């Protein structure tokens, strides 16, 4: 059985305990990851603080060269890392390969973007003064990443923080720590100064508690549930620790009568069933205009029935295992609730096999608004479909949620596309596009889907402080 170590202050160390990592396709333990305790976290923060003046003093171009090396290492080892992601997460291997490629692209993007942390000169309002605006690293950063995209969402945090000159402590999800170990190996190979990057695997409560209580941690960047995000907000109050939060989602899909049917069905299936439906931007609520509804539903059901379910390492698999039995049981509860309330089960709806955590890709038709799958985030390959009549109705139903992370629209009417782009309450809106996220554009939510933005120029700005220097006595 594989056993990993923790990466602290430029060295690999034995931990204080072990965390078992299961393969969702089999339900069996596949590895043991070494863990840290509170004392090791405190030491890591101290080492990171010592690394801050060393790492931040390097020109952004030099930091960028290190990030390019990280990207190179990820790409050179992409197949091994992808297989590891599939084994610990359950997603199909093709998706894991894509995740490694996107993670490398994030490092390359921020390797360049770090050179553009521009300040400015402000014209004075009084004689004899000059005003300078500087951008400086925020300080030691803690990054807490989730299990559903375990490598790419870690990269979204680590790459910009390092590019900005901040030392980073990465706390990966307990279910998927192995690819974080591979990321640490890539960063170690890139030759960063000791303490500039460290890996903290272990109990979330113990690690997060130390990060929130210790004033050396100047910022926490987190992706996860809204419930945990709210706890971080409360905990951050004591030291006024800065937070970036990418939280829950409940993305609507709006399919209008004038949409291209092939594009709409393909896009909806991709937005819903990618990553086995375990995505914060997954299509959770599918609203279809009455005129196109029969043809859309027929094509959607046929496409979903054709999806292949199985071990993500097997060729041709479209839908892998869910992360654990608890997630599978929640999905089954949502399906049963919808049917009980009057929805029609068009396909799927059952657990597959007794080994591993597999769920049939599911389509529910004419789902009532009170159903759990329309009021709560369903992290599963379950597609609830509803009818609507007017654009105004579709917008109102799409916005009737506390979440606002992503939304999708399928229409060939440019005026409608622009209207919905303005009126839908979501941080990212895909118009005839089921894959809107990209390294050079900001990503994040509104309402209870989070604070701040990742990626794009905003992703770098999140790890910078703005300083005003006022010079007096200038002739």
Protein backbone atom coordinates (compact mmCIF):
# COMPACT_ATOMS: atom_id res chain seq x y z
CA UNK A 1 0.00 0.00 0.00
CA UNK A 2 1.23 3.50 -0.88
CA UNK A 3 2.24 5.69 2.04
CA UNK A 4 2.94 9.39 1.59
CA UNK A 5 4.82 11.98 3.64
CA UNK A 6 4.10 15.62 4.43
CA UNK A 7 6.06 18.41 2.76
CA UNK A 8 7.19 21.06 5.23
CA UNK A 9 9.84 23.78 4.94
CA UNK A 10 11.40 22.29 1.83
CA UNK A 11 11.67 18.73 3.19
CA UNK A 12 9.59 15.55 3.24
CA UNK A 13 8.72 14.43 6.78
CA UNK A 14 6.94 11.63 8.57
CA UNK A 15 3.60 12.76 9.95
CA UNK A 16 1.97 12.32 13.34
CA UNK A 17 -0.63 9.87 12.03
CA UNK A 18 -2.24 8.37 8.95
CA UNK A 19 -5.27 9.17 6.84
CA UNK A 20 -6.80 6.33 4.83
CA UNK A 21 -7.63 7.12 1.21
CA UNK A 22 -10.36 5.05 -0.49
CA UNK A 23 -10.91 4.30 -4.15
CA UNK A 24 -14.58 5.22 -4.81
CA UNK A 25 -14.82 2.63 -7.58
CA UNK A 26 -14.10 -0.22 -5.18
CA UNK A 27 -14.70 1.21 -1.71
CA UNK A 28 -11.31 -0.16 -0.69
CA UNK A 29 -8.42 1.64 1.00
CA UNK A 30 -5.75 2.35 -1.62
CA UNK A 31 -3.25 4.50 0.30
CA UNK A 32 -2.34 6.09 3.60
CA UNK A 33 -1.42 9.75 3.73
CA UNK A 34 0.76 11.13 6.52
CA UNK A 35 -0.95 13.84 8.59
CA UNK A 36 0.10 16.85 10.66
CA UNK A 37 -1.08 18.06 14.05
CA UNK A 38 -1.60 21.55 15.44
CA UNK A 39 2.01 21.91 16.52
CA UNK A 40 3.26 21.14 13.02
CA UNK A 41 0.83 23.68 11.58
CA UNK A 42 2.18 26.36 13.95
CA UNK A 43 5.73 25.53 12.91
CA UNK A 44 4.74 25.62 9.25
CA UNK A 45 3.29 29.11 9.71
CA UNK A 46 6.50 30.28 11.34
CA UNK A 47 8.58 28.80 8.52
CA UNK A 48 6.31 30.42 5.95
CA UNK A 49 6.68 33.78 7.67
CA UNK A 50 10.48 33.42 7.47
CA UNK A 51 10.15 32.59 3.78
CA UNK A 52 8.02 35.66 3.05
CA UNK A 53 10.86 38.23 2.68
CA UNK A 54 12.92 35.75 0.64
CA UNK A 55 10.18 34.74 -1.78
CA UNK A 56 8.55 38.16 -2.14
CA UNK A 57 11.93 39.83 -2.77
CA UNK A 58 12.47 37.77 -5.92
CA UNK A 59 11.48 39.67 -9.06
CA UNK A 60 8.12 38.53 -10.38
CA UNK A 61 9.89 37.21 -13.46
CA UNK A 62 11.97 34.86 -11.30
CA UNK A 63 8.92 33.67 -9.39
CA UNK A 64 7.28 33.11 -12.76
CA UNK A 65 10.15 30.91 -13.90
CA UNK A 66 9.54 28.70 -10.88
CA UNK A 67 5.84 28.43 -11.73
CA UNK A 68 6.69 27.50 -15.32
CA UNK A 69 8.81 24.67 -13.92
CA UNK A 70 5.86 23.47 -11.85
CA UNK A 71 3.70 23.41 -14.99
CA UNK A 72 6.39 21.52 -16.88
CA UNK A 73 6.63 18.91 -14.13
CA UNK A 74 2.85 18.43 -14.07
CA UNK A 75 2.77 17.95 -17.82
CA UNK A 76 5.73 15.56 -17.85
CA UNK A 77 4.01 13.39 -15.24
CA UNK A 78 0.46 14.00 -16.42
CA UNK A 79 -0.56 10.40 -17.05
CA UNK A 80 0.56 9.14 -13.64
CA UNK A 81 -1.07 12.11 -11.88
CA UNK A 82 -4.29 11.68 -13.88
CA UNK A 83 -4.55 8.02 -12.92
CA UNK A 84 -4.04 8.98 -9.29
CA UNK A 85 -6.84 11.56 -9.48
CA UNK A 86 -9.18 8.95 -10.92
CA UNK A 87 -8.24 6.40 -8.27
CA UNK A 88 -8.86 8.73 -5.33
CA UNK A 89 -11.74 10.77 -6.79
CA UNK A 90 -13.55 8.31 -9.09
CA UNK A 91 -13.90 10.52 -12.18
CA UNK A 92 -13.21 9.15 -15.69
CA UNK A 93 -9.56 9.13 -16.72
CA UNK A 94 -10.20 11.46 -19.66
CA UNK A 95 -11.52 14.09 -17.25
CA UNK A 96 -8.54 13.60 -14.93
CA UNK A 97 -6.18 14.16 -17.86
CA UNK A 98 -8.04 17.37 -18.60
CA UNK A 99 -7.72 18.42 -14.98
CA UNK A 100 -3.93 18.06 -15.05
CA UNK A 101 -3.78 20.07 -18.27
CA UNK A 102 -5.90 22.89 -16.83
CA UNK A 103 -3.86 22.95 -13.60
CA UNK A 104 -0.67 23.34 -15.64
CA UNK A 105 -2.33 26.13 -17.62
CA UNK A 106 -3.21 27.95 -14.38
CA UNK A 107 0.45 27.88 -13.33
CA UNK A 108 1.52 29.18 -16.73
CA UNK A 109 -1.07 31.96 -16.69
CA UNK A 110 -0.06 33.24 -13.26
CA UNK A 111 3.64 32.83 -14.05
CA UNK A 112 3.05 35.64 -16.56
CA UNK A 113 0.36 37.54 -14.67
CA UNK A 114 2.61 37.98 -11.64
CA UNK A 115 4.64 40.45 -13.70
CA UNK A 116 1.58 42.67 -14.02
CA UNK A 117 0.95 43.58 -10.39
CA UNK A 118 0.87 47.22 -11.40
CA UNK A 119 0.76 50.21 -9.11
CA UNK A 120 0.21 53.77 -10.30
CA UNK A 121 1.10 57.44 -9.75
CA UNK A 122 -1.80 59.67 -8.71
CA UNK A 123 -1.74 63.40 -9.52
CA UNK A 124 -1.53 65.45 -6.29
CA UNK A 125 -4.26 67.74 -5.05
CA UNK A 126 -1.82 69.98 -3.17
CA UNK A 127 1.52 71.55 -4.18
CA UNK A 128 4.70 69.77 -3.15
CA UNK A 129 3.24 66.27 -2.99
CA UNK A 130 3.45 63.06 -5.00
CA UNK A 131 1.24 60.02 -4.51
CA UNK A 132 2.40 56.47 -5.27
CA UNK A 133 0.24 53.35 -5.16
CA UNK A 134 2.13 50.11 -4.54
CA UNK A 135 1.00 46.49 -4.65
CA UNK A 136 2.55 44.15 -2.09
CA UNK A 137 1.97 40.48 -1.14
CA UNK A 138 -0.74 40.04 1.48
CA UNK A 139 1.51 37.70 3.51
CA UNK A 140 1.29 34.03 4.44
CA UNK A 141 -1.67 32.35 2.74
CA UNK A 142 -3.52 29.17 3.66
CA UNK A 143 -5.29 27.43 0.77
CA UNK A 144 -8.03 24.91 1.52
CA UNK A 145 -9.05 22.89 -1.55
CA UNK A 146 -11.93 20.44 -2.13
CA UNK A 147 -12.15 16.84 -3.35
CA UNK A 148 -14.20 17.25 -6.53
CA UNK A 149 -11.43 18.88 -8.59
CA UNK A 150 -8.55 18.10 -6.22
CA UNK A 151 -5.68 19.28 -8.41
CA UNK A 152 -7.09 22.11 -10.47
CA UNK A 153 -8.81 23.90 -7.58
CA UNK A 154 -5.61 23.67 -5.53
CA UNK A 155 -3.75 25.18 -8.49
CA UNK A 156 -6.26 28.05 -8.68
CA UNK A 157 -5.18 29.08 -5.20
CA UNK A 158 -1.53 28.12 -5.01
CA UNK A 159 -0.44 29.56 -8.38
CA UNK A 160 -1.70 33.14 -7.93
CA UNK A 161 -0.61 33.33 -4.29
CA UNK A 162 2.91 32.25 -5.20
CA UNK A 163 2.93 34.59 -8.22
CA UNK A 164 2.01 37.48 -5.93
CA UNK A 165 4.95 36.68 -3.63
CA UNK A 166 3.00 34.96 -0.83
CA UNK A 167 4.16 31.76 0.86
CA UNK A 168 1.38 29.14 0.74
CA UNK A 169 0.21 26.35 3.03
CA UNK A 170 -2.08 23.94 1.14
CA UNK A 171 -4.68 21.90 3.04
CA UNK A 172 -6.22 19.39 0.59
CA UNK A 173 -9.47 17.54 1.18
CA UNK A 174 -9.06 14.44 3.33
CA UNK A 175 -10.70 12.30 0.65
CA UNK A 176 -8.21 13.29 -2.06
CA UNK A 177 -4.76 14.19 -0.66
CA UNK A 178 -2.67 12.13 -3.09
CA UNK A 179 -2.64 14.50 -6.06
CA UNK A 180 -1.76 17.32 -3.62
CA UNK A 181 1.32 15.30 -2.72
CA UNK A 182 2.14 15.20 -6.43
CA UNK A 183 1.68 18.96 -6.64
CA UNK A 184 4.09 19.34 -3.71
CA UNK A 185 6.58 17.16 -5.58
CA UNK A 186 6.26 19.41 -8.64
CA UNK A 187 6.84 22.53 -6.55
CA UNK A 188 9.77 20.90 -4.76
CA UNK A 189 11.32 20.04 -8.14
CA UNK A 190 10.90 23.69 -9.20
CA UNK A 191 13.32 24.78 -6.46
CA UNK A 192 11.26 27.26 -4.44
CA UNK A 193 12.88 28.53 -1.20
CA UNK A 194 12.12 26.44 1.92
CA UNK A 195 8.81 27.47 3.44
CA UNK A 196 7.44 29.11 0.28
CA UNK A 197 5.08 26.15 -0.18
CA UNK A 198 4.05 23.54 2.39
CA UNK A 199 1.51 20.72 2.44
CA UNK A 200 -0.79 20.15 5.40
CA UNK A 201 -2.79 16.89 5.37
CA UNK A 202 -4.94 16.06 8.36
CA UNK A 203 -8.07 16.85 10.35
CA UNK A 204 -9.80 19.90 8.90
CA UNK A 205 -10.99 21.20 12.27
CA UNK A 206 -7.54 21.06 13.86
CA UNK A 207 -5.72 22.59 10.91
CA UNK A 208 -8.32 25.30 10.22
CA UNK A 209 -8.51 26.12 13.92
CA UNK A 210 -4.80 26.88 14.04
CA UNK A 211 -4.90 28.85 10.79
CA UNK A 212 -7.73 31.04 12.08
CA UNK A 213 -6.22 31.56 15.53
CA UNK A 214 -2.68 32.31 14.41
CA UNK A 215 -2.05 35.94 13.34
CA UNK A 216 0.79 34.81 11.05
CA UNK A 217 -1.87 33.50 8.66
CA UNK A 218 -2.92 36.66 6.83
CA UNK A 219 -5.35 35.12 4.37
CA UNK A 220 -7.37 31.94 3.85
CA UNK A 221 -8.65 30.99 0.40
CA UNK A 222 -11.26 28.25 0.46
CA UNK A 223 -13.43 26.22 -1.91
CA UNK A 224 -16.17 24.16 -0.33
CA UNK A 225 -19.69 24.24 1.03
CA UNK A 226 -21.49 27.41 2.04
CA UNK A 227 -21.99 25.97 5.53
CA UNK A 228 -18.24 25.62 6.09
CA UNK A 229 -17.64 29.00 4.48
CA UNK A 230 -19.89 30.61 7.07
CA UNK A 231 -17.91 28.94 9.87
CA UNK A 232 -14.69 30.36 8.40
CA UNK A 233 -16.25 33.83 8.34
CA UNK A 234 -17.04 33.56 12.04
CA UNK A 235 -13.60 32.17 12.86
CA UNK A 236 -11.81 34.84 10.81
CA UNK A 237 -13.32 37.63 12.90
CA UNK A 238 -10.87 37.24 15.80
CA UNK A 239 -7.81 38.27 13.75
CA UNK A 240 -9.73 39.91 10.88
CA UNK A 241 -8.13 37.27 8.65
CA UNK A 242 -8.79 37.99 4.99
CA UNK A 243 -10.93 35.44 3.15
CA UNK A 244 -11.60 34.39 -0.41
CA UNK A 245 -14.52 31.97 -0.56
CA UNK A 246 -15.79 29.91 -3.49
CA UNK A 247 -18.85 28.22 -2.02
CA UNK A 248 -21.90 26.23 -3.04
CA UNK A 249 -23.76 26.53 -6.31
CA UNK A 250 -27.18 25.66 -7.70
CA UNK A 251 -26.75 26.49 -11.37
CA UNK A 252 -29.80 26.87 -13.61
CA UNK A 253 -29.91 26.00 -17.30
CA UNK A 254 -32.37 27.96 -19.43
CA UNK A 255 -33.21 26.41 -22.81
CA UNK A 256 -35.32 28.67 -25.02
CA UNK A 257 -37.51 27.69 -27.96
CA UNK A 258 -35.08 29.31 -30.41
CA UNK A 259 -32.05 27.35 -29.14
CA UNK A 260 -30.13 25.00 -31.39
CA UNK A 261 -31.37 21.63 -30.10
CA UNK A 262 -28.11 19.74 -30.64
CA UNK A 263 -26.06 22.43 -28.92
CA UNK A 264 -28.51 22.70 -26.03
CA UNK A 265 -28.67 18.97 -25.33
CA UNK A 266 -24.94 18.43 -25.65
CA UNK A 267 -24.21 21.46 -23.48
CA UNK A 268 -26.74 20.50 -20.83
CA UNK A 269 -25.41 16.94 -20.60
CA UNK A 270 -21.86 18.28 -20.29
CA UNK A 271 -22.78 20.87 -17.67
CA UNK A 272 -24.78 18.33 -15.65
CA UNK A 273 -22.89 15.05 -15.90
CA UNK A 274 -19.26 16.18 -16.14
CA UNK A 275 -17.30 15.02 -13.08
CA UNK A 276 -20.19 12.62 -12.27
CA UNK A 277 -22.32 15.66 -11.50
CA UNK A 278 -20.08 16.53 -8.56
CA UNK A 279 -19.31 20.12 -9.48
CA UNK A 280 -20.26 23.42 -7.86
CA UNK A 281 -21.12 24.78 -11.33
CA UNK A 282 -23.04 21.66 -12.40
CA UNK A 283 -26.43 22.19 -14.04
CA UNK A 284 -28.69 21.55 -11.06
CA UNK A 285 -31.97 22.98 -12.38
CA UNK A 286 -32.89 22.58 -16.05
CA UNK A 287 -35.66 24.89 -17.26
CA UNK A 288 -36.89 24.27 -20.82
CA UNK A 289 -39.36 26.47 -22.72
CA UNK A 290 -42.63 24.75 -23.55
CA UNK A 291 -42.25 24.81 -27.35
CA UNK A 292 -38.94 22.92 -27.44
CA UNK A 293 -39.63 20.81 -24.35
CA UNK A 294 -40.79 17.55 -26.02
CA UNK A 295 -37.91 17.41 -28.51
CA UNK A 296 -35.34 18.45 -25.90
CA UNK A 297 -36.50 15.87 -23.37
CA UNK A 298 -36.50 13.08 -25.96
CA UNK A 299 -32.94 13.90 -27.04
CA UNK A 300 -31.75 14.40 -23.46
CA UNK A 301 -33.06 11.02 -22.30
CA UNK A 302 -31.53 9.23 -25.27
CA UNK A 303 -28.15 10.87 -24.65
CA UNK A 304 -28.19 10.14 -20.92
CA UNK A 305 -29.11 6.51 -21.54
CA UNK A 306 -26.05 6.18 -23.77
CA UNK A 307 -23.63 7.32 -21.05
CA UNK A 308 -21.33 4.53 -19.88
CA UNK A 309 -20.92 4.09 -16.12
CA UNK A 310 -17.97 2.33 -14.55
CA UNK A 311 -14.51 2.47 -13.03
CA UNK A 312 -12.90 5.66 -14.27
CA UNK A 313 -9.80 3.78 -15.38
CA UNK A 314 -11.83 1.64 -17.81
CA UNK A 315 -11.89 2.75 -21.47
CA UNK A 316 -14.89 4.73 -22.68
CA UNK A 317 -16.38 5.49 -19.27
CA UNK A 318 -18.45 8.70 -19.12
CA UNK A 319 -19.67 8.52 -15.51
CA UNK A 320 -17.41 7.36 -12.70
CA UNK A 321 -18.04 6.55 -9.07
CA UNK A 322 -19.34 9.11 -6.61
CA UNK A 323 -16.91 10.17 -3.91
CA UNK A 324 -18.49 8.19 -1.06
CA UNK A 325 -21.58 6.36 0.14
CA UNK A 326 -22.94 9.40 1.97
CA UNK A 327 -23.05 11.38 -1.28
CA UNK A 328 -24.70 8.47 -3.07
CA UNK A 329 -27.36 8.13 -0.38
CA UNK A 330 -28.12 11.86 -0.49
CA UNK A 331 -28.66 11.63 -4.24
CA UNK A 332 -31.01 8.66 -3.82
CA UNK A 333 -32.94 10.64 -1.21
CA UNK A 334 -33.32 13.57 -3.62
CA UNK A 335 -34.56 11.25 -6.37
CA UNK A 336 -37.10 9.56 -4.11
CA UNK A 337 -38.33 12.92 -2.81
CA UNK A 338 -38.87 14.28 -6.33
CA UNK A 339 -40.83 11.20 -7.41
CA UNK A 340 -42.91 11.29 -4.26
CA UNK A 341 -43.81 14.92 -5.03
CA UNK A 342 -44.97 14.05 -8.53
CA UNK A 343 -41.89 14.11 -10.78
CA UNK A 344 -41.57 11.42 -13.45
CA UNK A 345 -38.45 9.25 -13.41
CA UNK A 346 -37.49 9.08 -17.09
CA UNK A 347 -34.29 7.09 -16.73
CA UNK A 348 -31.85 5.96 -14.06
CA UNK A 349 -32.51 6.50 -10.38
CA UNK A 350 -30.84 3.42 -8.91
CA UNK A 351 -27.56 2.43 -7.36
CA UNK A 352 -25.39 0.25 -9.58
CA UNK A 353 -23.70 -2.78 -8.02
CA UNK A 354 -22.70 -3.48 -4.45
CA UNK A 355 -19.02 -2.62 -4.95
CA UNK A 356 -18.06 1.04 -5.07
CA UNK A 357 -20.41 4.04 -5.13
CA UNK A 358 -22.09 4.18 -8.54
CA UNK A 359 -25.39 5.82 -9.46
CA UNK A 360 -27.26 5.47 -12.74
CA UNK A 361 -27.34 8.76 -14.66
CA UNK A 362 -30.80 10.05 -13.85
CA UNK A 363 -33.35 12.31 -15.56
CA UNK A 364 -36.41 13.57 -13.67
CA UNK A 365 -39.19 15.30 -15.63
CA UNK A 366 -41.71 17.95 -14.56
CA UNK A 367 -40.12 18.33 -11.15
CA UNK A 368 -42.08 20.51 -8.70
CA UNK A 369 -40.29 23.55 -7.32
CA UNK A 370 -40.54 22.24 -3.74
CA UNK A 371 -38.49 19.12 -4.49
CA UNK A 372 -35.18 18.81 -2.66
CA UNK A 373 -33.24 18.59 -5.93
CA UNK A 374 -34.52 22.05 -6.87
CA UNK A 375 -33.99 23.65 -3.47
CA UNK A 376 -30.69 22.03 -2.44
CA UNK A 377 -27.44 21.44 -4.30
CA UNK A 378 -27.47 17.87 -5.66
CA UNK A 379 -23.86 16.75 -6.04
CA UNK A 380 -24.67 13.79 -8.28
CA UNK A 381 -25.53 12.73 -11.86
CA UNK A 382 -29.19 13.71 -11.42
CA UNK A 383 -30.86 16.04 -13.93
CA UNK A 384 -34.20 17.58 -12.89
CA UNK A 385 -36.11 19.13 -15.83
CA UNK A 386 -38.95 21.68 -15.64
CA UNK A 387 -41.03 23.61 -18.20
CA UNK A 388 -41.41 27.37 -18.46
CA UNK A 389 -43.36 29.71 -20.72
CA UNK A 390 -41.86 33.21 -20.71
CA UNK A 391 -38.42 34.74 -20.40
CA UNK A 392 -39.47 36.67 -17.31
CA UNK A 393 -40.65 33.46 -15.64
CA UNK A 394 -37.36 31.72 -16.47
CA UNK A 395 -35.29 34.54 -14.99
CA UNK A 396 -37.38 34.65 -11.83
CA UNK A 397 -37.11 30.90 -11.26
CA UNK A 398 -33.40 30.86 -12.04
CA UNK A 399 -32.73 33.64 -9.52
CA UNK A 400 -34.95 32.15 -6.78
CA UNK A 401 -32.05 30.74 -4.77
CA UNK A 402 -29.51 31.94 -2.23
CA UNK A 403 -26.74 30.76 -4.58
CA UNK A 404 -25.22 32.59 -7.52
CA UNK A 405 -22.14 30.81 -8.83
CA UNK A 406 -22.96 29.88 -12.43
CA UNK A 407 -25.82 29.82 -14.93
CA UNK A 408 -26.26 28.54 -18.48
CA UNK A 409 -28.43 29.82 -21.32
CA UNK A 410 -29.15 28.29 -24.71
CA UNK A 411 -30.62 30.73 -27.25
CA UNK A 412 -29.88 32.11 -30.70
CA UNK A 413 -31.36 35.51 -29.86
CA UNK A 414 -28.49 37.94 -29.24
CA UNK A 415 -30.72 40.49 -27.52
CA UNK A 416 -32.01 37.83 -25.13
CA UNK A 417 -28.45 36.65 -24.46
CA UNK A 418 -27.43 40.16 -23.46
CA UNK A 419 -30.52 40.66 -21.30
CA UNK A 420 -29.97 37.41 -19.44
CA UNK A 421 -26.27 38.13 -19.05
CA UNK A 422 -27.29 41.24 -17.12
CA UNK A 423 -30.27 39.86 -15.20
CA UNK A 424 -29.19 36.39 -14.10
CA UNK A 425 -27.67 36.46 -10.61
CA UNK A 426 -24.51 34.44 -11.13
CA UNK A 427 -20.80 35.15 -11.25
CA UNK A 428 -20.27 33.13 -14.44
CA UNK A 429 -22.84 32.79 -17.22
CA UNK A 430 -22.33 30.48 -20.19
CA UNK A 431 -24.34 31.51 -23.26
CA UNK A 432 -24.41 28.47 -25.56
CA UNK A 433 -21.28 27.43 -23.66
CA UNK A 434 -21.17 24.63 -21.09
CA UNK A 435 -17.46 25.13 -20.31
CA UNK A 436 -17.12 28.84 -19.49
CA UNK A 437 -14.19 28.70 -17.01
CA UNK A 438 -10.74 29.67 -18.29
CA UNK A 439 -7.47 30.76 -16.74
CA UNK A 440 -7.64 34.34 -17.99
CA UNK A 441 -11.19 35.18 -16.82
CA UNK A 442 -12.42 35.70 -13.25
CA UNK A 443 -14.39 32.97 -11.51
CA UNK A 444 -16.49 33.27 -8.36
CA UNK A 445 -19.98 33.67 -6.97
CA UNK A 446 -22.44 36.22 -5.71
CA UNK A 447 -24.96 35.95 -2.88
CA UNK A 448 -24.13 32.90 -0.72
CA UNK A 449 -21.85 31.40 -3.36
CA UNK A 450 -18.85 33.25 -2.05
CA UNK A 451 -16.56 36.26 -1.74
CA UNK A 452 -13.99 37.36 -4.27
CA UNK A 453 -12.73 35.93 -7.53
CA UNK A 454 -10.19 33.38 -8.70
CA UNK A 455 -8.38 33.33 -12.06
CA UNK A 456 -7.91 36.25 -14.41
CA UNK A 457 -6.31 39.48 -13.25
CA UNK A 458 -8.65 39.39 -10.26
CA UNK A 459 -7.10 36.09 -9.16
CA UNK A 460 -3.74 37.79 -8.64
CA UNK A 461 -5.28 40.88 -7.05
CA UNK A 462 -6.81 38.65 -4.35
CA UNK A 463 -3.32 38.09 -2.88
CA UNK A 464 -2.08 41.68 -3.01
CA UNK A 465 -2.36 44.57 -0.59
CA UNK A 466 -2.72 48.12 -1.91
CA UNK A 467 -0.42 50.71 -0.28
CA UNK A 468 -0.54 54.47 -0.68
CA UNK A 469 2.75 56.38 -0.35
CA UNK A 470 2.37 60.15 0.02
CA UNK A 471 5.60 62.11 -0.57
CA UNK A 472 5.73 65.64 0.80
CA UNK A 473 8.27 68.38 0.25
CA UNK A 474 8.64 67.65 -3.45
CA UNK A 475 9.68 70.68 -5.53
